[in-house]
Amino acid sequence: MDTIEAIINRRSIRQYTDQNITEDNINTILRSAMYAPSAMNYQPWHFIVVNKKNVINELQNIFPHADMLKQTTLLIIICGDTELERSTDYIVQDCAAATQNALVTVHSLGLGAVWLSVYPNKDVIAGLKKKFELPDSILPVTAISIGFPAEVIENEERFNINRVHTNKW
């Protein structure tokens, strides 16, 4: 799939079949995420791959508004390491870039995904830290629910020339 096509046609998919995602696809998604740009190239990310349905089910109590977890077979939690990058602001940006790379890759593989916000929701952060026994230096930033799509969401035009300002406001 062409890169621009993948970016423009990617949509948030919240309904999945029960088909499991292969280890090769998981590694491709993680590899792509790790090629994201990061501030000063610190690459402060860590990834928690959750592919056991009982663990995913337990996470439904942590994530508000995450009904898609009832169907998903894979959740990837993207975390930042404050020992690798001390600025939370940069960690959030770096993990967001990794998340976007992963989302585009998921779409290009014919899978579906939705971005789940973690940071700055203190309750979600605390829940994930407790559930996965994360070290103090690890900050969960985002999560991605991934699966084989059980829905099709049509492309919509999002380019808005009124939001473009050239050389002045």
N, C-alpha and C. Protein backbone atom coordinates (compact mmCIF):
# COMPACT_ATOMS: atom_id res chain seq x y z
N MET A 1 0.85 -1.18 0.00
CA MET A 1 0.00 0.00 0.00
C MET A 1 0.90 1.25 0.00
N ASP A 2 0.56 2.19 -0.80
CA ASP A 2 1.27 3.46 -0.88
C ASP A 2 1.17 4.19 0.46
N THR A 3 2.24 4.85 0.87
CA THR A 3 2.28 5.53 2.17
C THR A 3 1.21 6.60 2.29
N ILE A 4 1.08 7.44 1.28
CA ILE A 4 0.08 8.51 1.35
C ILE A 4 -1.32 7.93 1.39
N GLU A 5 -1.56 6.89 0.61
CA GLU A 5 -2.86 6.22 0.64
C GLU A 5 -3.15 5.68 2.04
N ALA A 6 -2.15 5.07 2.69
CA ALA A 6 -2.34 4.52 4.03
C ALA A 6 -2.67 5.63 5.03
N ILE A 7 -2.00 6.76 4.92
CA ILE A 7 -2.25 7.87 5.85
C ILE A 7 -3.65 8.44 5.63
N ILE A 8 -4.01 8.69 4.39
CA ILE A 8 -5.29 9.34 4.10
C ILE A 8 -6.48 8.41 4.35
N ASN A 9 -6.33 7.12 4.11
CA ASN A 9 -7.46 6.21 4.23
C ASN A 9 -7.58 5.50 5.58
N ARG A 10 -6.60 5.68 6.47
CA ARG A 10 -6.68 5.05 7.78
C ARG A 10 -7.81 5.65 8.59
N ARG A 11 -8.58 4.82 9.24
CA ARG A 11 -9.69 5.25 10.10
C ARG A 11 -9.62 4.48 11.40
N SER A 12 -10.20 5.01 12.44
CA SER A 12 -10.28 4.31 13.72
C SER A 12 -11.31 3.19 13.61
N ILE A 13 -10.84 1.98 13.84
CA ILE A 13 -11.69 0.79 13.77
C ILE A 13 -11.89 0.27 15.19
N ARG A 14 -13.15 0.10 15.55
CA ARG A 14 -13.49 -0.30 16.91
C ARG A 14 -14.18 -1.66 16.99
N GLN A 15 -14.43 -2.28 15.87
CA GLN A 15 -15.07 -3.59 15.85
C GLN A 15 -14.16 -4.56 15.11
N TYR A 16 -13.95 -5.72 15.75
CA TYR A 16 -12.99 -6.69 15.22
C TYR A 16 -13.58 -8.09 15.18
N THR A 17 -12.99 -8.91 14.31
CA THR A 17 -13.31 -10.33 14.33
C THR A 17 -12.50 -10.95 15.47
N ASP A 18 -12.66 -12.24 15.70
CA ASP A 18 -11.92 -12.89 16.77
C ASP A 18 -10.61 -13.52 16.29
N GLN A 19 -10.21 -13.21 15.07
CA GLN A 19 -8.98 -13.75 14.49
C GLN A 19 -7.76 -13.15 15.18
N ASN A 20 -6.79 -14.00 15.51
CA ASN A 20 -5.56 -13.54 16.15
C ASN A 20 -4.59 -12.95 15.13
N ILE A 21 -3.80 -12.03 15.59
CA ILE A 21 -2.80 -11.36 14.75
C ILE A 21 -1.48 -12.13 14.87
N THR A 22 -0.83 -12.34 13.75
CA THR A 22 0.40 -13.15 13.75
C THR A 22 1.54 -12.41 14.44
N GLU A 23 2.47 -13.19 14.91
CA GLU A 23 3.68 -12.65 15.55
C GLU A 23 4.45 -11.79 14.55
N ASP A 24 4.48 -12.21 13.28
CA ASP A 24 5.16 -11.40 12.25
C ASP A 24 4.53 -10.02 12.12
N ASN A 25 3.19 -9.97 12.10
CA ASN A 25 2.53 -8.67 12.01
C ASN A 25 2.78 -7.83 13.26
N ILE A 26 2.76 -8.45 14.42
CA ILE A 26 3.04 -7.70 15.66
C ILE A 26 4.44 -7.11 15.59
N ASN A 27 5.41 -7.90 15.17
CA ASN A 27 6.78 -7.40 15.08
C ASN A 27 6.93 -6.31 14.03
N THR A 28 6.19 -6.41 12.94
CA THR A 28 6.22 -5.36 11.92
C THR A 28 5.67 -4.05 12.48
N ILE A 29 4.59 -4.14 13.24
CA ILE A 29 3.99 -2.95 13.86
C ILE A 29 4.98 -2.33 14.85
N LEU A 30 5.59 -3.15 15.69
CA LEU A 30 6.55 -2.64 16.68
C LEU A 30 7.79 -2.05 16.01
N ARG A 31 8.26 -2.72 14.99
CA ARG A 31 9.44 -2.22 14.26
C ARG A 31 9.16 -0.85 13.66
N SER A 32 7.99 -0.70 13.04
CA SER A 32 7.61 0.58 12.45
C SER A 32 7.51 1.66 13.52
N ALA A 33 6.92 1.31 14.65
CA ALA A 33 6.80 2.28 15.74
C ALA A 33 8.17 2.77 16.21
N MET A 34 9.12 1.86 16.26
CA MET A 34 10.46 2.21 16.74
C MET A 34 11.26 3.04 15.75
N TYR A 35 10.75 3.19 14.54
CA TYR A 35 11.42 4.05 13.56
C TYR A 35 10.85 5.46 13.55
N ALA A 36 10.01 5.77 14.51
CA ALA A 36 9.46 7.13 14.62
C ALA A 36 10.58 8.10 15.01
N PRO A 37 10.41 9.35 14.64
CA PRO A 37 11.37 10.35 15.11
C PRO A 37 11.19 10.57 16.61
N SER A 38 12.25 10.99 17.27
CA SER A 38 12.16 11.32 18.70
C SER A 38 13.11 12.46 19.01
N ALA A 39 12.76 13.22 20.03
CA ALA A 39 13.57 14.36 20.43
C ALA A 39 14.99 13.89 20.74
N MET A 40 15.95 14.51 20.12
CA MET A 40 17.37 14.21 20.29
C MET A 40 17.68 12.73 20.06
N ASN A 41 16.79 12.06 19.35
CA ASN A 41 16.93 10.64 19.02
C ASN A 41 17.10 9.75 20.25
N TYR A 42 16.47 10.13 21.37
CA TYR A 42 16.57 9.33 22.59
C TYR A 42 15.77 8.03 22.51
N GLN A 43 14.74 7.99 21.66
CA GLN A 43 13.93 6.79 21.49
C GLN A 43 13.52 6.23 22.86
N PRO A 44 12.75 7.01 23.64
CA PRO A 44 12.47 6.63 25.03
C PRO A 44 11.35 5.62 25.21
N TRP A 45 10.89 5.00 24.15
CA TRP A 45 9.70 4.17 24.22
C TRP A 45 9.98 2.74 24.65
N HIS A 46 8.96 2.18 25.26
CA HIS A 46 8.85 0.75 25.57
C HIS A 46 7.43 0.35 25.17
N PHE A 47 7.24 -0.91 24.85
CA PHE A 47 5.95 -1.38 24.38
C PHE A 47 5.51 -2.59 25.20
N ILE A 48 4.29 -2.55 25.67
CA ILE A 48 3.71 -3.71 26.34
C ILE A 48 2.72 -4.33 25.36
N VAL A 49 3.00 -5.55 24.94
CA VAL A 49 2.14 -6.28 24.02
C VAL A 49 1.22 -7.16 24.85
N VAL A 50 -0.07 -6.92 24.71
CA VAL A 50 -1.06 -7.69 25.46
C VAL A 50 -1.89 -8.48 24.45
N ASN A 51 -1.69 -9.81 24.44
CA ASN A 51 -2.42 -10.65 23.49
C ASN A 51 -3.14 -11.81 24.17
N LYS A 52 -3.25 -11.76 25.48
CA LYS A 52 -4.04 -12.75 26.21
C LYS A 52 -5.39 -12.13 26.53
N LYS A 53 -6.45 -12.79 26.09
CA LYS A 53 -7.80 -12.22 26.21
C LYS A 53 -8.18 -11.95 27.66
N ASN A 54 -7.77 -12.79 28.59
CA ASN A 54 -8.12 -12.55 29.99
C ASN A 54 -7.46 -11.28 30.51
N VAL A 55 -6.27 -10.97 30.06
CA VAL A 55 -5.59 -9.73 30.48
C VAL A 55 -6.27 -8.52 29.84
N ILE A 56 -6.59 -8.63 28.56
CA ILE A 56 -7.30 -7.54 27.87
C ILE A 56 -8.64 -7.27 28.57
N ASN A 57 -9.35 -8.33 28.94
CA ASN A 57 -10.63 -8.16 29.63
C ASN A 57 -10.47 -7.41 30.95
N GLU A 58 -9.40 -7.69 31.66
CA GLU A 58 -9.14 -7.00 32.94
C GLU A 58 -8.88 -5.51 32.72
N LEU A 59 -8.35 -5.16 31.56
CA LEU A 59 -8.02 -3.75 31.27
C LEU A 59 -9.25 -2.91 30.99
N GLN A 60 -10.38 -3.55 30.72
CA GLN A 60 -11.60 -2.79 30.46
C GLN A 60 -12.01 -1.95 31.67
N ASN A 61 -11.61 -2.36 32.85
CA ASN A 61 -11.91 -1.58 34.06
C ASN A 61 -11.02 -0.36 34.18
N ILE A 62 -9.91 -0.35 33.48
CA ILE A 62 -8.96 0.77 33.56
C ILE A 62 -9.27 1.84 32.53
N PHE A 63 -9.64 1.42 31.32
CA PHE A 63 -9.87 2.36 30.22
C PHE A 63 -11.34 2.79 30.16
N PRO A 64 -11.62 4.09 30.31
CA PRO A 64 -12.99 4.55 30.10
C PRO A 64 -13.30 4.58 28.61
N HIS A 65 -14.53 4.33 28.25
CA HIS A 65 -14.99 4.43 26.86
C HIS A 65 -14.19 3.53 25.91
N ALA A 66 -13.92 2.30 26.33
CA ALA A 66 -13.11 1.40 25.51
C ALA A 66 -13.84 0.09 25.27
N ASP A 67 -15.06 0.19 24.77
CA ASP A 67 -15.85 -1.01 24.50
C ASP A 67 -15.20 -1.93 23.48
N MET A 68 -14.32 -1.37 22.62
CA MET A 68 -13.67 -2.20 21.61
C MET A 68 -12.77 -3.26 22.23
N LEU A 69 -12.39 -3.08 23.50
CA LEU A 69 -11.54 -4.08 24.15
C LEU A 69 -12.27 -5.41 24.33
N LYS A 70 -13.59 -5.38 24.29
CA LYS A 70 -14.36 -6.63 24.40
C LYS A 70 -14.10 -7.54 23.21
N GLN A 71 -13.72 -6.95 22.06
CA GLN A 71 -13.53 -7.72 20.84
C GLN A 71 -12.08 -7.88 20.43
N THR A 72 -11.21 -6.99 20.87
CA THR A 72 -9.85 -6.99 20.35
C THR A 72 -9.06 -8.21 20.82
N THR A 73 -8.12 -8.62 20.00
CA THR A 73 -7.23 -9.72 20.36
C THR A 73 -5.82 -9.22 20.63
N LEU A 74 -5.60 -7.91 20.45
CA LEU A 74 -4.27 -7.35 20.67
C LEU A 74 -4.37 -5.91 21.14
N LEU A 75 -3.62 -5.61 22.18
CA LEU A 75 -3.49 -4.24 22.67
C LEU A 75 -2.01 -3.97 22.86
N ILE A 76 -1.55 -2.86 22.32
CA ILE A 76 -0.17 -2.44 22.54
C ILE A 76 -0.19 -1.14 23.33
N ILE A 77 0.50 -1.14 24.44
CA ILE A 77 0.60 0.05 25.29
C ILE A 77 1.98 0.66 25.06
N ILE A 78 2.00 1.94 24.70
CA ILE A 78 3.25 2.63 24.42
C ILE A 78 3.61 3.46 25.64
N CYS A 79 4.79 3.22 26.16
CA CYS A 79 5.26 3.88 27.38
C CYS A 79 6.54 4.64 27.09
N GLY A 80 6.79 5.67 27.88
CA GLY A 80 8.04 6.42 27.80
C GLY A 80 8.87 6.19 29.04
N ASP A 81 10.16 6.23 28.87
CA ASP A 81 11.11 5.97 29.95
C ASP A 81 11.78 7.28 30.36
N THR A 82 11.50 7.73 31.58
CA THR A 82 12.06 9.01 32.05
C THR A 82 13.55 8.91 32.36
N GLU A 83 14.10 7.71 32.35
CA GLU A 83 15.55 7.58 32.48
C GLU A 83 16.25 7.80 31.14
N LEU A 84 15.50 7.61 30.05
CA LEU A 84 16.05 7.86 28.72
C LEU A 84 15.78 9.28 28.26
N GLU A 85 14.66 9.84 28.66
CA GLU A 85 14.28 11.22 28.32
C GLU A 85 13.59 11.80 29.55
N ARG A 86 14.18 12.83 30.13
CA ARG A 86 13.67 13.37 31.38
C ARG A 86 12.43 14.25 31.22
N SER A 87 12.23 14.81 30.07
CA SER A 87 11.10 15.72 29.84
C SER A 87 9.84 14.95 29.44
N THR A 88 8.81 15.04 30.29
CA THR A 88 7.54 14.40 29.96
C THR A 88 6.99 14.94 28.66
N ASP A 89 7.17 16.24 28.42
CA ASP A 89 6.67 16.84 27.17
C ASP A 89 7.25 16.14 25.95
N TYR A 90 8.55 15.88 25.96
CA TYR A 90 9.17 15.20 24.83
C TYR A 90 8.75 13.73 24.77
N ILE A 91 8.62 13.09 25.92
CA ILE A 91 8.18 11.70 25.94
C ILE A 91 6.82 11.57 25.28
N VAL A 92 5.90 12.46 25.62
CA VAL A 92 4.56 12.41 25.04
C VAL A 92 4.64 12.58 23.53
N GLN A 93 5.43 13.53 23.06
CA GLN A 93 5.56 13.73 21.61
C GLN A 93 6.20 12.51 20.94
N ASP A 94 7.24 11.97 21.55
CA ASP A 94 7.93 10.82 20.97
C ASP A 94 7.01 9.60 20.89
N CYS A 95 6.28 9.35 21.97
CA CYS A 95 5.37 8.19 21.99
C CYS A 95 4.19 8.40 21.04
N ALA A 96 3.77 9.65 20.87
CA ALA A 96 2.71 9.94 19.91
C ALA A 96 3.19 9.65 18.48
N ALA A 97 4.43 10.01 18.18
CA ALA A 97 4.98 9.72 16.85
C ALA A 97 5.07 8.20 16.64
N ALA A 98 5.49 7.47 17.64
CA ALA A 98 5.56 6.01 17.53
C ALA A 98 4.16 5.42 17.34
N THR A 99 3.18 6.00 18.04
CA THR A 99 1.80 5.54 17.92
C THR A 99 1.29 5.75 16.50
N GLN A 100 1.55 6.91 15.93
CA GLN A 100 1.09 7.19 14.56
C GLN A 100 1.75 6.24 13.56
N ASN A 101 3.05 6.00 13.72
CA ASN A 101 3.71 5.03 12.83
C ASN A 101 3.03 3.67 12.93
N ALA A 102 2.73 3.25 14.15
CA ALA A 102 2.08 1.95 14.35
C ALA A 102 0.70 1.93 13.70
N LEU A 103 -0.08 2.99 13.86
CA LEU A 103 -1.42 3.04 13.29
C LEU A 103 -1.40 2.94 11.76
N VAL A 104 -0.49 3.65 11.14
CA VAL A 104 -0.40 3.60 9.67
C VAL A 104 0.04 2.21 9.23
N THR A 105 0.96 1.61 9.96
CA THR A 105 1.41 0.26 9.64
C THR A 105 0.28 -0.74 9.78
N VAL A 106 -0.48 -0.63 10.86
CA VAL A 106 -1.63 -1.51 11.07
C VAL A 106 -2.55 -1.45 9.87
N HIS A 107 -2.87 -0.25 9.43
CA HIS A 107 -3.77 -0.09 8.28
C HIS A 107 -3.16 -0.70 7.02
N SER A 108 -1.88 -0.48 6.81
CA SER A 108 -1.24 -1.00 5.60
C SER A 108 -1.20 -2.53 5.60
N LEU A 109 -1.30 -3.16 6.77
CA LEU A 109 -1.33 -4.62 6.87
C LEU A 109 -2.74 -5.19 6.72
N GLY A 110 -3.72 -4.30 6.50
CA GLY A 110 -5.10 -4.75 6.35
C GLY A 110 -5.80 -4.98 7.68
N LEU A 111 -5.20 -4.48 8.75
CA LEU A 111 -5.79 -4.61 10.08
C LEU A 111 -6.48 -3.31 10.45
N GLY A 112 -7.16 -3.31 11.57
CA GLY A 112 -7.82 -2.10 12.05
C GLY A 112 -7.33 -1.78 13.45
N ALA A 113 -7.42 -0.52 13.82
CA ALA A 113 -6.93 -0.10 15.14
C ALA A 113 -7.60 1.19 15.55
N VAL A 114 -7.53 1.44 16.84
CA VAL A 114 -7.96 2.71 17.39
C VAL A 114 -6.98 3.12 18.48
N TRP A 115 -6.68 4.41 18.51
CA TRP A 115 -5.78 5.01 19.48
C TRP A 115 -6.57 5.24 20.77
N LEU A 116 -6.07 4.71 21.88
CA LEU A 116 -6.67 4.94 23.19
C LEU A 116 -5.77 5.89 23.97
N SER A 117 -6.35 6.97 24.44
CA SER A 117 -5.57 7.93 25.21
C SER A 117 -5.27 7.38 26.59
N VAL A 118 -4.07 7.59 27.04
CA VAL A 118 -3.66 7.24 28.39
C VAL A 118 -3.26 8.53 29.09
N TYR A 119 -2.12 9.10 28.69
CA TYR A 119 -1.65 10.35 29.26
C TYR A 119 -2.52 11.49 28.78
N PRO A 120 -2.96 12.41 29.61
CA PRO A 120 -2.62 12.67 31.01
C PRO A 120 -3.64 12.15 32.03
N ASN A 121 -4.45 11.14 31.67
CA ASN A 121 -5.46 10.62 32.57
C ASN A 121 -4.80 9.88 33.73
N LYS A 122 -4.77 10.53 34.89
CA LYS A 122 -4.07 9.99 36.05
C LYS A 122 -4.60 8.63 36.49
N ASP A 123 -5.92 8.42 36.38
CA ASP A 123 -6.50 7.14 36.78
C ASP A 123 -6.06 6.01 35.85
N VAL A 124 -6.03 6.28 34.56
CA VAL A 124 -5.60 5.26 33.60
C VAL A 124 -4.11 4.96 33.80
N ILE A 125 -3.31 6.00 33.96
CA ILE A 125 -1.88 5.82 34.20
C ILE A 125 -1.66 4.96 35.44
N ALA A 126 -2.33 5.33 36.54
CA ALA A 126 -2.17 4.58 37.79
C ALA A 126 -2.63 3.14 37.63
N GLY A 127 -3.73 2.93 36.93
CA GLY A 127 -4.24 1.57 36.72
C GLY A 127 -3.27 0.71 35.93
N LEU A 128 -2.68 1.28 34.88
CA LEU A 128 -1.72 0.52 34.07
C LEU A 128 -0.43 0.27 34.83
N LYS A 129 0.02 1.28 35.58
CA LYS A 129 1.24 1.10 36.38
C LYS A 129 1.07 -0.04 37.38
N LYS A 130 -0.09 -0.07 38.01
CA LYS A 130 -0.36 -1.12 39.00
C LYS A 130 -0.51 -2.48 38.33
N LYS A 131 -1.31 -2.55 37.28
CA LYS A 131 -1.59 -3.82 36.59
C LYS A 131 -0.31 -4.47 36.07
N PHE A 132 0.56 -3.69 35.46
CA PHE A 132 1.77 -4.24 34.84
C PHE A 132 3.02 -4.08 35.71
N GLU A 133 2.83 -3.57 36.94
CA GLU A 133 3.94 -3.39 37.87
C GLU A 133 5.08 -2.61 37.22
N LEU A 134 4.73 -1.46 36.64
CA LEU A 134 5.71 -0.66 35.92
C LEU A 134 6.67 0.03 36.89
N PRO A 135 7.93 0.10 36.53
CA PRO A 135 8.88 0.86 37.34
C PRO A 135 8.48 2.34 37.39
N ASP A 136 8.95 3.05 38.40
CA ASP A 136 8.62 4.48 38.54
C ASP A 136 9.02 5.29 37.33
N SER A 137 10.06 4.87 36.63
CA SER A 137 10.57 5.64 35.48
C SER A 137 9.76 5.43 34.21
N ILE A 138 8.78 4.54 34.24
CA ILE A 138 8.00 4.23 33.03
C ILE A 138 6.64 4.90 33.10
N LEU A 139 6.34 5.70 32.06
CA LEU A 139 5.08 6.45 31.97
C LEU A 139 4.26 5.91 30.80
N PRO A 140 3.11 5.28 31.07
CA PRO A 140 2.25 4.88 29.95
C PRO A 140 1.66 6.13 29.29
N VAL A 141 1.74 6.18 27.96
CA VAL A 141 1.34 7.38 27.23
C VAL A 141 0.12 7.13 26.34
N THR A 142 0.14 6.07 25.56
CA THR A 142 -0.96 5.74 24.67
C THR A 142 -1.15 4.23 24.64
N ALA A 143 -2.23 3.81 24.02
CA ALA A 143 -2.46 2.38 23.78
C ALA A 143 -3.17 2.26 22.44
N ILE A 144 -2.98 1.12 21.80
CA ILE A 144 -3.62 0.88 20.51
C ILE A 144 -4.32 -0.47 20.57
N SER A 145 -5.62 -0.44 20.34
CA SER A 145 -6.41 -1.66 20.20
C SER A 145 -6.34 -2.06 18.73
N ILE A 146 -5.96 -3.32 18.48
CA ILE A 146 -5.72 -3.78 17.11
C ILE A 146 -6.46 -5.09 16.85
N GLY A 147 -7.00 -5.22 15.65
CA GLY A 147 -7.65 -6.47 15.28
C GLY A 147 -7.97 -6.51 13.80
N PHE A 148 -8.52 -7.64 13.38
CA PHE A 148 -9.01 -7.75 12.02
C PHE A 148 -10.35 -7.02 11.96
N PRO A 149 -10.52 -6.06 11.05
CA PRO A 149 -11.72 -5.24 11.03
C PRO A 149 -13.00 -6.03 10.80
N ALA A 150 -14.02 -5.68 11.60
CA ALA A 150 -15.36 -6.21 11.40
C ALA A 150 -16.30 -5.09 11.00
N GLU A 151 -15.71 -3.98 10.58
CA GLU A 151 -16.49 -2.84 10.10
C GLU A 151 -15.66 -2.12 9.05
N VAL A 152 -16.35 -1.38 8.19
CA VAL A 152 -15.70 -0.55 7.18
C VAL A 152 -16.15 0.88 7.42
N ILE A 153 -15.20 1.76 7.55
CA ILE A 153 -15.52 3.17 7.72
C ILE A 153 -15.01 3.90 6.48
N GLU A 154 -15.92 4.55 5.80
CA GLU A 154 -15.59 5.22 4.55
C GLU A 154 -14.69 6.43 4.80
N ASN A 155 -13.86 6.68 3.81
CA ASN A 155 -12.99 7.85 3.84
C ASN A 155 -13.82 9.11 3.76
N GLU A 156 -13.40 10.12 4.46
CA GLU A 156 -14.05 11.43 4.38
C GLU A 156 -12.97 12.47 4.10
N GLU A 157 -13.34 13.50 3.41
CA GLU A 157 -12.38 14.56 3.08
C GLU A 157 -12.07 15.35 4.35
N ARG A 158 -10.80 15.46 4.68
CA ARG A 158 -10.39 16.18 5.88
C ARG A 158 -9.51 17.39 5.56
N PHE A 159 -9.06 17.48 4.32
CA PHE A 159 -8.22 18.62 3.98
C PHE A 159 -9.07 19.88 4.02
N ASN A 160 -8.64 20.87 4.79
CA ASN A 160 -9.38 22.11 4.97
C ASN A 160 -8.43 23.28 4.74
N ILE A 161 -8.52 23.88 3.59
CA ILE A 161 -7.63 24.98 3.21
C ILE A 161 -7.75 26.16 4.18
N ASN A 162 -8.90 26.28 4.85
CA ASN A 162 -9.09 27.37 5.81
C ASN A 162 -8.23 27.22 7.05
N ARG A 163 -7.59 26.09 7.22
CA ARG A 163 -6.72 25.87 8.37
C ARG A 163 -5.24 26.04 7.97
N VAL A 164 -5.01 26.50 6.76
CA VAL A 164 -3.65 26.68 6.28
C VAL A 164 -3.36 28.19 6.25
N HIS A 165 -2.25 28.59 6.85
CA HIS A 165 -1.83 29.99 6.91
C HIS A 165 -0.40 30.06 6.37
N THR A 166 -0.19 30.90 5.39
CA THR A 166 1.11 30.98 4.76
C THR A 166 1.77 32.30 5.08
N ASN A 167 2.89 32.22 5.74
CA ASN A 167 3.74 33.37 6.07
C ASN A 167 3.11 34.38 7.03
N LYS A 168 1.87 34.20 7.40
CA LYS A 168 1.19 35.03 8.39
C LYS A 168 -0.12 34.35 8.77
N TRP A 169 -0.76 34.80 9.81
CA TRP A 169 -2.02 34.20 10.22
C TRP A 169 -3.13 34.61 9.32
